[in-house]
């Protein structure tokens, strides 16, 4: 990927201001990661922000859907599960407290 130009750095600064309200992971805050969104939308800040927000929200929704098991295992709270195998009828999982279901 090409290095960030001086002009791109200025646009990137404005893009960062526009997405400052978002809680991002460290890798998502990196200049090279963020510049890809601007380049993909030909430096149109509005379109880049819109696409960025939609993609990040989709990833968050997918993570919640994939990993959140509502009130399972009798713990009376949402429980995160990991698939560790499968028997003939059911998936075998372990939750965040490492109890087997």
PDB file of N, CA and C in Angstrom:
ATOM      1  N   UNK A   1       0.845  -1.173   0.000  1.00  0.00           N
ATOM      2  CA  UNK A   1       0.000   0.000   0.000  1.00  0.00           C
ATOM      3  C   UNK A   1       0.891   1.236   0.000  1.00  0.00           C
ATOM      4  N   UNK A   2       0.504   2.194  -0.762  1.00  0.00           N
ATOM      5  CA  UNK A   2       1.287   3.428  -0.902  1.00  0.00           C
ATOM      6  C   UNK A   2       1.282   4.235   0.393  1.00  0.00           C
ATOM      7  N   UNK A   3       2.360   4.934   0.632  1.00  0.00           N
ATOM      8  CA  UNK A   3       2.474   5.787   1.808  1.00  0.00           C
ATOM      9  C   UNK A   3       1.439   6.913   1.755  1.00  0.00           C
ATOM     10  N   UNK A   4       1.110   7.445   2.904  1.00  0.00           N
ATOM     11  CA  UNK A   4       0.128   8.523   2.993  1.00  0.00           C
ATOM     12  C   UNK A   4       0.777   9.838   2.572  1.00  0.00           C
ATOM     13  N   UNK A   5       0.133  10.524   1.647  1.00  0.00           N
ATOM     14  CA  UNK A   5       0.651  11.811   1.162  1.00  0.00           C
ATOM     15  C   UNK A   5       0.281  12.926   2.142  1.00  0.00           C
ATOM     16  N   UNK A   6       0.849  14.094   1.917  1.00  0.00           N
ATOM     17  CA  UNK A   6       0.563  15.247   2.776  1.00  0.00           C
ATOM     18  C   UNK A   6      -0.913  15.636   2.682  1.00  0.00           C
ATOM     19  N   UNK A   7      -1.460  15.626   1.476  1.00  0.00           N
ATOM     20  CA  UNK A   7      -2.872  15.953   1.276  1.00  0.00           C
ATOM     21  C   UNK A   7      -3.772  14.921   1.960  1.00  0.00           C
ATOM     22  N   UNK A   8      -3.418  13.639   1.851  1.00  0.00           N
ATOM     23  CA  UNK A   8      -4.192  12.584   2.502  1.00  0.00           C
ATOM     24  C   UNK A   8      -4.153  12.729   4.024  1.00  0.00           C
ATOM     25  N   UNK A   9      -3.022  13.155   4.550  1.00  0.00           N
ATOM     26  CA  UNK A   9      -2.891  13.350   6.000  1.00  0.00           C
ATOM     27  C   UNK A   9      -3.877  14.400   6.501  1.00  0.00           C
ATOM     28  N   UNK A  10      -4.078  15.464   5.729  1.00  0.00           N
ATOM     29  CA  UNK A  10      -5.031  16.514   6.097  1.00  0.00           C
ATOM     30  C   UNK A  10      -6.463  15.972   6.088  1.00  0.00           C
ATOM     31  N   UNK A  11      -6.790  15.220   5.050  1.00  0.00           N
ATOM     32  CA  UNK A  11      -8.129  14.631   4.944  1.00  0.00           C
ATOM     33  C   UNK A  11      -8.336  13.596   6.052  1.00  0.00           C
ATOM     34  N   UNK A  12      -7.299  12.836   6.345  1.00  0.00           N
ATOM     35  CA  UNK A  12      -7.364  11.820   7.392  1.00  0.00           C
ATOM     36  C   UNK A  12      -7.645  12.453   8.758  1.00  0.00           C
ATOM     37  N   UNK A  13      -7.063  13.597   9.011  1.00  0.00           N
ATOM     38  CA  UNK A  13      -7.296  14.314  10.263  1.00  0.00           C
ATOM     39  C   UNK A  13      -8.774  14.674  10.412  1.00  0.00           C
ATOM     40  N   UNK A  14      -9.383  15.155   9.336  1.00  0.00           N
ATOM     41  CA  UNK A  14     -10.809  15.481   9.352  1.00  0.00           C
ATOM     42  C   UNK A  14     -11.652  14.214   9.520  1.00  0.00           C
ATOM     43  N   UNK A  15     -11.240  13.129   8.860  1.00  0.00           N
ATOM     44  CA  UNK A  15     -11.955  11.855   8.973  1.00  0.00           C
ATOM     45  C   UNK A  15     -11.927  11.374  10.427  1.00  0.00           C
ATOM     46  N   UNK A  16     -10.789  11.476  11.075  1.00  0.00           N
ATOM     47  CA  UNK A  16     -10.672  11.085  12.485  1.00  0.00           C
ATOM     48  C   UNK A  16     -11.629  11.883  13.368  1.00  0.00           C
ATOM     49  N   UNK A  17     -11.793  13.171  13.095  1.00  0.00           N
ATOM     50  CA  UNK A  17     -12.723  14.006  13.864  1.00  0.00           C
ATOM     51  C   UNK A  17     -14.151  13.503  13.691  1.00  0.00           C
ATOM     52  N   UNK A  18     -14.485  13.115  12.467  1.00  0.00           N
ATOM     53  CA  UNK A  18     -15.848  12.654  12.171  1.00  0.00           C
ATOM     54  C   UNK A  18     -16.181  11.328  12.850  1.00  0.00           C
ATOM     55  N   UNK A  19     -15.185  10.479  13.063  1.00  0.00           N
ATOM     56  CA  UNK A  19     -15.445   9.169  13.669  1.00  0.00           C
ATOM     57  C   UNK A  19     -14.962   9.098  15.124  1.00  0.00           C
ATOM     58  N   UNK A  20     -14.685  10.250  15.708  1.00  0.00           N
ATOM     59  CA  UNK A  20     -14.158  10.305  17.079  1.00  0.00           C
ATOM     60  C   UNK A  20     -15.120   9.713  18.111  1.00  0.00           C
ATOM     61  N   UNK A  21     -16.410   9.698  17.815  1.00  0.00           N
ATOM     62  CA  UNK A  21     -17.400   9.166  18.754  1.00  0.00           C
ATOM     63  C   UNK A  21     -17.439   7.640  18.783  1.00  0.00           C
ATOM     64  N   UNK A  22     -16.762   7.001  17.852  1.00  0.00           N
ATOM     65  CA  UNK A  22     -16.784   5.535  17.765  1.00  0.00           C
ATOM     66  C   UNK A  22     -15.722   4.924  18.668  1.00  0.00           C
ATOM     67  N   UNK A  23     -16.064   3.785  19.264  1.00  0.00           N
ATOM     68  CA  UNK A  23     -15.100   3.036  20.065  1.00  0.00           C
ATOM     69  C   UNK A  23     -14.444   2.019  19.145  1.00  0.00           C
ATOM     70  N   UNK A  24     -13.195   2.272  18.801  1.00  0.00           N
ATOM     71  CA  UNK A  24     -12.490   1.423  17.850  1.00  0.00           C
ATOM     72  C   UNK A  24     -11.385   0.640  18.539  1.00  0.00           C
ATOM     73  N   UNK A  25     -11.077  -0.501  17.959  1.00  0.00           N
ATOM     74  CA  UNK A  25      -9.922  -1.265  18.433  1.00  0.00           C
ATOM     75  C   UNK A  25      -8.664  -0.576  17.940  1.00  0.00           C
ATOM     76  N   UNK A  26      -7.534  -0.882  18.556  1.00  0.00           N
ATOM     77  CA  UNK A  26      -6.263  -0.229  18.242  1.00  0.00           C
ATOM     78  C   UNK A  26      -5.943  -0.306  16.737  1.00  0.00           C
ATOM     79  N   UNK A  27      -6.115  -1.470  16.136  1.00  0.00           N
ATOM     80  CA  UNK A  27      -5.799  -1.645  14.712  1.00  0.00           C
ATOM     81  C   UNK A  27      -6.693  -0.775  13.839  1.00  0.00           C
ATOM     82  N   UNK A  28      -7.928  -0.533  14.284  1.00  0.00           N
ATOM     83  CA  UNK A  28      -8.870   0.275  13.508  1.00  0.00           C
ATOM     84  C   UNK A  28      -8.562   1.765  13.587  1.00  0.00           C
ATOM     85  N   UNK A  29      -7.679   2.156  14.486  1.00  0.00           N
ATOM     86  CA  UNK A  29      -7.295   3.561  14.619  1.00  0.00           C
ATOM     87  C   UNK A  29      -6.024   3.887  13.826  1.00  0.00           C
ATOM     88  N   UNK A  30      -5.400   2.892  13.262  1.00  0.00           N
ATOM     89  CA  UNK A  30      -4.138   3.074  12.545  1.00  0.00           C
ATOM     90  C   UNK A  30      -4.376   3.859  11.253  1.00  0.00           C
ATOM     91  N   UNK A  31      -3.463   4.775  10.943  1.00  0.00           N
ATOM     92  CA  UNK A  31      -3.591   5.613   9.747  1.00  0.00           C
ATOM     93  C   UNK A  31      -3.775   4.803   8.467  1.00  0.00           C
ATOM     94  N   UNK A  32      -2.999   3.760   8.298  1.00  0.00           N
ATOM     95  CA  UNK A  32      -3.078   2.964   7.064  1.00  0.00           C
ATOM     96  C   UNK A  32      -4.420   2.239   6.944  1.00  0.00           C
ATOM     97  N   UNK A  33      -4.997   1.862   8.066  1.00  0.00           N
ATOM     98  CA  UNK A  33      -6.317   1.236   8.038  1.00  0.00           C
ATOM     99  C   UNK A  33      -7.370   2.266   7.638  1.00  0.00           C
ATOM    100  N   UNK A  34      -7.314   3.433   8.255  1.00  0.00           N
ATOM    101  CA  UNK A  34      -8.325   4.464   7.990  1.00  0.00           C
ATOM    102  C   UNK A  34      -8.220   5.053   6.584  1.00  0.00           C
ATOM    103  N   UNK A  35      -7.009   5.174   6.067  1.00  0.00           N
ATOM    104  CA  UNK A  35      -6.852   5.782   4.736  1.00  0.00           C
ATOM    105  C   UNK A  35      -7.482   4.919   3.638  1.00  0.00           C
ATOM    106  N   UNK A  36      -7.576   3.623   3.875  1.00  0.00           N
ATOM    107  CA  UNK A  36      -8.193   2.750   2.863  1.00  0.00           C
ATOM    108  C   UNK A  36      -9.654   3.119   2.619  1.00  0.00           C
ATOM    109  N   UNK A  37     -10.348   3.562   3.673  1.00  0.00           N
ATOM    110  CA  UNK A  37     -11.752   3.951   3.521  1.00  0.00           C
ATOM    111  C   UNK A  37     -11.863   5.228   2.701  1.00  0.00           C
ATOM    112  N   UNK A  38     -10.954   6.139   2.934  1.00  0.00           N
ATOM    113  CA  UNK A  38     -10.964   7.394   2.167  1.00  0.00           C
ATOM    114  C   UNK A  38     -10.603   7.153   0.704  1.00  0.00           C
ATOM    115  N   UNK A  39      -9.620   6.331   0.473  1.00  0.00           N
ATOM    116  CA  UNK A  39      -9.225   6.023  -0.906  1.00  0.00           C
ATOM    117  C   UNK A  39     -10.339   5.292  -1.638  1.00  0.00           C
ATOM    118  N   UNK A  40     -11.032   4.406  -0.938  1.00  0.00           N
ATOM    119  CA  UNK A  40     -12.115   3.637  -1.561  1.00  0.00           C
ATOM    120  C   UNK A  40     -13.269   4.533  -2.008  1.00  0.00           C
ATOM    121  N   UNK A  41     -13.441   5.649  -1.332  1.00  0.00           N
ATOM    122  CA  UNK A  41     -14.511   6.589  -1.687  1.00  0.00           C
ATOM    123  C   UNK A  41     -13.959   7.864  -2.303  1.00  0.00           C
ATOM    124  N   UNK A  42     -12.763   7.758  -2.877  1.00  0.00           N
ATOM    125  CA  UNK A  42     -12.128   8.873  -3.592  1.00  0.00           C
ATOM    126  C   UNK A  42     -12.101  10.154  -2.756  1.00  0.00           C
ATOM    127  N   UNK A  43     -11.782  10.006  -1.480  1.00  0.00           N
ATOM    128  CA  UNK A  43     -11.585  11.106  -0.529  1.00  0.00           C
ATOM    129  C   UNK A  43     -12.858  11.895  -0.226  1.00  0.00           C
ATOM    130  N   UNK A  44     -14.012  11.320  -0.517  1.00  0.00           N
ATOM    131  CA  UNK A  44     -15.282  11.935  -0.153  1.00  0.00           C
ATOM    132  C   UNK A  44     -15.543  11.574   1.313  1.00  0.00           C
ATOM    133  N   UNK A  45     -15.377  12.552   2.211  1.00  0.00           N
ATOM    134  CA  UNK A  45     -15.482  12.300   3.651  1.00  0.00           C
ATOM    135  C   UNK A  45     -16.836  11.735   4.049  1.00  0.00           C
ATOM    136  N   UNK A  46     -17.894  12.285   3.505  1.00  0.00           N
ATOM    137  CA  UNK A  46     -19.242  11.831   3.863  1.00  0.00           C
ATOM    138  C   UNK A  46     -19.446  10.363   3.486  1.00  0.00           C
ATOM    139  N   UNK A  47     -19.082  10.007   2.265  1.00  0.00           N
ATOM    140  CA  UNK A  47     -19.255   8.621   1.806  1.00  0.00           C
ATOM    141  C   UNK A  47     -18.331   7.658   2.549  1.00  0.00           C
ATOM    142  N   UNK A  48     -17.104   8.077   2.809  1.00  0.00           N
ATOM    143  CA  UNK A  48     -16.154   7.230   3.533  1.00  0.00           C
ATOM    144  C   UNK A  48     -16.638   6.980   4.962  1.00  0.00           C
ATOM    145  N   UNK A  49     -17.125   8.026   5.607  1.00  0.00           N
ATOM    146  CA  UNK A  49     -17.642   7.878   6.973  1.00  0.00           C
ATOM    147  C   UNK A  49     -18.845   6.956   7.008  1.00  0.00           C
ATOM    148  N   UNK A  50     -19.747   7.142   6.070  1.00  0.00           N
ATOM    149  CA  UNK A  50     -20.952   6.307   6.001  1.00  0.00           C
ATOM    150  C   UNK A  50     -20.584   4.833   5.822  1.00  0.00           C
ATOM    151  N   UNK A  51     -19.682   4.558   4.895  1.00  0.00           N
ATOM    152  CA  UNK A  51     -19.258   3.175   4.652  1.00  0.00           C
ATOM    153  C   UNK A  51     -18.552   2.614   5.879  1.00  0.00           C
ATOM    154  N   UNK A  52     -17.655   3.380   6.472  1.00  0.00           N
ATOM    155  CA  UNK A  52     -16.903   2.941   7.641  1.00  0.00           C
ATOM    156  C   UNK A  52     -17.843   2.581   8.783  1.00  0.00           C
ATOM    157  N   UNK A  53     -18.783   3.456   9.090  1.00  0.00           N
ATOM    158  CA  UNK A  53     -19.730   3.200  10.181  1.00  0.00           C
ATOM    159  C   UNK A  53     -20.576   1.954   9.918  1.00  0.00           C
ATOM    160  N   UNK A  54     -21.033   1.785   8.692  1.00  0.00           N
ATOM    161  CA  UNK A  54     -21.848   0.610   8.364  1.00  0.00           C
ATOM    162  C   UNK A  54     -21.052  -0.684   8.516  1.00  0.00           C
ATOM    163  N   UNK A  55     -19.827  -0.691   8.035  1.00  0.00           N
ATOM    164  CA  UNK A  55     -19.010  -1.904   8.111  1.00  0.00           C
ATOM    165  C   UNK A  55     -18.666  -2.233   9.559  1.00  0.00           C
ATOM    166  N   UNK A  56     -18.261  -1.247  10.332  1.00  0.00           N
ATOM    167  CA  UNK A  56     -17.921  -1.491  11.741  1.00  0.00           C
ATOM    168  C   UNK A  56     -19.154  -1.968  12.499  1.00  0.00           C
ATOM    169  N   UNK A  57     -20.312  -1.366  12.272  1.00  0.00           N
ATOM    170  CA  UNK A  57     -21.533  -1.793  12.953  1.00  0.00           C
ATOM    171  C   UNK A  57     -21.926  -3.206  12.547  1.00  0.00           C
ATOM    172  N   UNK A  58     -21.763  -3.551  11.284  1.00  0.00           N
ATOM    173  CA  UNK A  58     -22.051  -4.910  10.833  1.00  0.00           C
ATOM    174  C   UNK A  58     -21.149  -5.910  11.539  1.00  0.00           C
ATOM    175  N   UNK A  59     -19.869  -5.570  11.680  1.00  0.00           N
ATOM    176  CA  UNK A  59     -18.940  -6.463  12.386  1.00  0.00           C
ATOM    177  C   UNK A  59     -19.334  -6.619  13.844  1.00  0.00           C
ATOM    178  N   UNK A  60     -19.752  -5.537  14.484  1.00  0.00           N
ATOM    179  CA  UNK A  60     -20.192  -5.604  15.883  1.00  0.00           C
ATOM    180  C   UNK A  60     -21.428  -6.481  15.997  1.00  0.00           C
ATOM    181  N   UNK A  61     -22.408  -6.274  15.121  1.00  0.00           N
ATOM    182  CA  UNK A  61     -23.633  -7.073  15.149  1.00  0.00           C
ATOM    183  C   UNK A  61     -23.339  -8.544  14.926  1.00  0.00           C
ATOM    184  N   UNK A  62     -22.455  -8.858  13.986  1.00  0.00           N
ATOM    185  CA  UNK A  62     -22.114 -10.244  13.719  1.00  0.00           C
ATOM    186  C   UNK A  62     -21.428 -10.864  14.929  1.00  0.00           C
ATOM    187  N   UNK A  63     -20.522 -10.137  15.571  1.00  0.00           N
ATOM    188  CA  UNK A  63     -19.835 -10.650  16.749  1.00  0.00           C
ATOM    189  C   UNK A  63     -20.836 -10.964  17.853  1.00  0.00           C
ATOM    190  N   UNK A  64     -21.784 -10.047  18.088  1.00  0.00           N
ATOM    191  CA  UNK A  64     -22.790 -10.269  19.124  1.00  0.00           C
ATOM    192  C   UNK A  64     -23.644 -11.475  18.773  1.00  0.00           C
ATOM    193  N   UNK A  65     -24.093 -11.567  17.529  1.00  0.00           N
ATOM    194  CA  UNK A  65     -24.918 -12.687  17.097  1.00  0.00           C
ATOM    195  C   UNK A  65     -24.174 -14.008  17.231  1.00  0.00           C
ATOM    196  N   UNK A  66     -22.904 -14.004  16.852  1.00  0.00           N
ATOM    197  CA  UNK A  66     -22.114 -15.234  16.843  1.00  0.00           C
ATOM    198  C   UNK A  66     -21.709 -15.682  18.246  1.00  0.00           C
ATOM    199  N   UNK A  67     -21.414 -14.738  19.133  1.00  0.00           N
ATOM    200  CA  UNK A  67     -20.814 -15.096  20.408  1.00  0.00           C
ATOM    201  C   UNK A  67     -21.692 -14.924  21.641  1.00  0.00           C
ATOM    202  N   UNK A  68     -22.809 -14.275  21.516  1.00  0.00           N
ATOM    203  CA  UNK A  68     -23.629 -14.026  22.694  1.00  0.00           C
ATOM    204  C   UNK A  68     -24.761 -15.037  22.755  1.00  0.00           C
ATOM    205  N   UNK A  69     -24.791 -15.810  23.802  1.00  0.00           N
ATOM    206  CA  UNK A  69     -25.841 -16.796  24.005  1.00  0.00           C
ATOM    207  C   UNK A  69     -26.669 -16.292  25.177  1.00  0.00           C
ATOM    208  N   UNK A  70     -27.909 -15.943  24.930  1.00  0.00           N
ATOM    209  CA  UNK A  70     -28.722 -15.263  25.946  1.00  0.00           C
ATOM    210  C   UNK A  70     -29.069 -16.164  27.119  1.00  0.00           C
ATOM    211  N   UNK A  71     -28.618 -15.779  28.279  1.00  0.00           N
ATOM    212  CA  UNK A  71     -28.965 -16.389  29.556  1.00  0.00           C
ATOM    213  C   UNK A  71     -28.873 -17.905  29.537  1.00  0.00           C
ATOM    214  N   UNK A  72     -27.760 -18.418  29.077  1.00  0.00           N
ATOM    215  CA  UNK A  72     -27.550 -19.862  29.039  1.00  0.00           C
ATOM    216  C   UNK A  72     -26.861 -20.365  30.290  1.00  0.00           C
ATOM    217  N   UNK A  73     -26.818 -21.643  30.448  1.00  0.00           N
ATOM    218  CA  UNK A  73     -26.080 -22.340  31.494  1.00  0.00           C
ATOM    219  C   UNK A  73     -26.541 -22.019  32.909  1.00  0.00           C
ATOM    220  N   UNK A  74     -27.742 -21.468  33.065  1.00  0.00           N
ATOM    221  CA  UNK A  74     -28.248 -21.168  34.398  1.00  0.00           C
ATOM    222  C   UNK A  74     -27.458 -20.102  35.128  1.00  0.00           C
ATOM    223  N   UNK A  75     -26.675 -19.302  34.418  1.00  0.00           N
ATOM    224  CA  UNK A  75     -25.858 -18.279  35.060  1.00  0.00           C
ATOM    225  C   UNK A  75     -26.616 -16.968  35.228  1.00  0.00           C
ATOM    226  N   UNK A  76     -27.849 -16.898  34.704  1.00  0.00           N
ATOM    227  CA  UNK A  76     -28.704 -15.715  34.800  1.00  0.00           C
ATOM    228  C   UNK A  76     -28.059 -14.451  34.243  1.00  0.00           C
ATOM    229  N   UNK A  77     -27.264 -14.607  33.223  1.00  0.00           N
ATOM    230  CA  UNK A  77     -26.665 -13.472  32.523  1.00  0.00           C
ATOM    231  C   UNK A  77     -26.220 -13.963  31.159  1.00  0.00           C
ATOM    232  N   UNK A  78     -26.026 -13.073  30.217  1.00  0.00           N
ATOM    233  CA  UNK A  78     -25.522 -13.520  28.911  1.00  0.00           C
ATOM    234  C   UNK A  78     -24.187 -14.236  29.070  1.00  0.00           C
ATOM    235  N   UNK A  79     -24.014 -15.288  28.292  1.00  0.00           N
ATOM    236  CA  UNK A  79     -22.817 -16.114  28.398  1.00  0.00           C
ATOM    237  C   UNK A  79     -22.173 -16.253  27.031  1.00  0.00           C
ATOM    238  N   UNK A  80     -20.888 -16.020  26.940  1.00  0.00           N
ATOM    239  CA  UNK A  80     -20.153 -16.192  25.702  1.00  0.00           C
ATOM    240  C   UNK A  80     -19.754 -17.653  25.559  1.00  0.00           C
ATOM    241  N   UNK A  81     -20.005 -18.228  24.387  1.00  0.00           N
ATOM    242  CA  UNK A  81     -19.729 -19.645  24.162  1.00  0.00           C
ATOM    243  C   UNK A  81     -18.670 -19.834  23.090  1.00  0.00           C
ATOM    244  N   UNK A  82     -17.922 -20.910  23.222  1.00  0.00           N
ATOM    245  CA  UNK A  82     -16.953 -21.319  22.212  1.00  0.00           C
ATOM    246  C   UNK A  82     -17.300 -22.735  21.780  1.00  0.00           C
ATOM    247  N   UNK A  83     -17.394 -22.964  20.495  1.00  0.00           N
ATOM    248  CA  UNK A  83     -17.665 -24.297  19.984  1.00  0.00           C
ATOM    249  C   UNK A  83     -16.402 -25.139  20.114  1.00  0.00           C
ATOM    250  N   UNK A  84     -16.501 -26.262  20.833  1.00  0.00           N
ATOM    251  CA  UNK A  84     -15.330 -27.124  21.000  1.00  0.00           C
ATOM    252  C   UNK A  84     -15.505 -28.467  20.298  1.00  0.00           C
ATOM    253  N   UNK A  85     -16.703 -28.754  19.832  1.00  0.00           N
ATOM    254  CA  UNK A  85     -16.939 -30.006  19.131  1.00  0.00           C
ATOM    255  C   UNK A  85     -18.415 -30.201  18.873  1.00  0.00           C
ATOM    256  N   UNK A  86     -18.768 -31.384  18.423  1.00  0.00           N
ATOM    257  CA  UNK A  86     -20.162 -31.682  18.116  1.00  0.00           C
ATOM    258  C   UNK A  86     -20.386 -33.176  18.302  1.00  0.00           C
ATOM    259  N   UNK A  87     -21.494 -33.524  19.010  1.00  0.00           N
ATOM    260  CA  UNK A  87     -21.858 -34.935  19.072  1.00  0.00           C
ATOM    261  C   UNK A  87     -22.917 -35.192  18.012  1.00  0.00           C
ATOM    262  N   UNK A  88     -23.581 -36.308  18.055  1.00  0.00           N
ATOM    263  CA  UNK A  88     -24.514 -36.653  16.983  1.00  0.00           C
ATOM    264  C   UNK A  88     -25.705 -35.709  16.883  1.00  0.00           C
ATOM    265  N   UNK A  89     -26.069 -35.024  17.970  1.00  0.00           N
ATOM    266  CA  UNK A  89     -27.252 -34.183  17.934  1.00  0.00           C
ATOM    267  C   UNK A  89     -27.006 -32.714  18.260  1.00  0.00           C
ATOM    268  N   UNK A  90     -26.012 -32.416  19.056  1.00  0.00           N
ATOM    269  CA  UNK A  90     -25.847 -31.057  19.560  1.00  0.00           C
ATOM    270  C   UNK A  90     -24.402 -30.593  19.487  1.00  0.00           C
ATOM    271  N   UNK A  91     -24.222 -29.266  19.389  1.00  0.00           N
ATOM    272  CA  UNK A  91     -22.865 -28.740  19.513  1.00  0.00           C
ATOM    273  C   UNK A  91     -22.405 -28.850  20.960  1.00  0.00           C
ATOM    274  N   UNK A  92     -21.139 -29.066  21.170  1.00  0.00           N
ATOM    275  CA  UNK A  92     -20.560 -29.084  22.514  1.00  0.00           C
ATOM    276  C   UNK A  92     -19.829 -27.764  22.682  1.00  0.00           C
ATOM    277  N   UNK A  93     -20.189 -27.023  23.715  1.00  0.00           N
ATOM    278  CA  UNK A  93     -19.615 -25.700  23.912  1.00  0.00           C
ATOM    279  C   UNK A  93     -19.041 -25.567  25.308  1.00  0.00           C
ATOM    280  N   UNK A  94     -18.199 -24.572  25.472  1.00  0.00           N
ATOM    281  CA  UNK A  94     -17.717 -24.167  26.786  1.00  0.00           C
ATOM    282  C   UNK A  94     -17.961 -22.668  26.877  1.00  0.00           C
ATOM    283  N   UNK A  95     -18.373 -22.191  28.047  1.00  0.00           N
ATOM    284  CA  UNK A  95     -18.632 -20.761  28.176  1.00  0.00           C
ATOM    285  C   UNK A  95     -17.420 -20.055  28.754  1.00  0.00           C
ATOM    286  N   UNK A  96     -17.563 -18.753  28.992  1.00  0.00           N
ATOM    287  CA  UNK A  96     -16.430 -17.952  29.457  1.00  0.00           C
ATOM    288  C   UNK A  96     -15.916 -18.399  30.817  1.00  0.00           C
ATOM    289  N   UNK A  97     -16.724 -19.122  31.572  1.00  0.00           N
ATOM    290  CA  UNK A  97     -16.286 -19.632  32.878  1.00  0.00           C
ATOM    291  C   UNK A  97     -15.787 -21.069  32.776  1.00  0.00           C
ATOM    292  N   UNK A  98     -15.714 -21.582  31.526  1.00  0.00           N
ATOM    293  CA  UNK A  98     -15.222 -22.923  31.221  1.00  0.00           C
ATOM    294  C   UNK A  98     -16.067 -24.053  31.788  1.00  0.00           C
ATOM    295  N   UNK A  99     -17.372 -23.804  31.967  1.00  0.00           N
ATOM    296  CA  UNK A  99     -18.288 -24.881  32.291  1.00  0.00           C
ATOM    297  C   UNK A  99     -18.713 -25.523  30.986  1.00  0.00           C
ATOM    298  N   UNK A 100     -18.880 -26.835  30.964  1.00  0.00           N
ATOM    299  CA  UNK A 100     -19.334 -27.494  29.745  1.00  0.00           C
ATOM    300  C   UNK A 100     -20.848 -27.555  29.743  1.00  0.00           C
ATOM    301  N   UNK A 101     -21.429 -27.362  28.555  1.00  0.00           N
ATOM    302  CA  UNK A 101     -22.882 -27.432  28.383  1.00  0.00           C
ATOM    303  C   UNK A 101     -23.243 -28.767  27.757  1.00  0.00           C
TER     304      UNK A 101
END
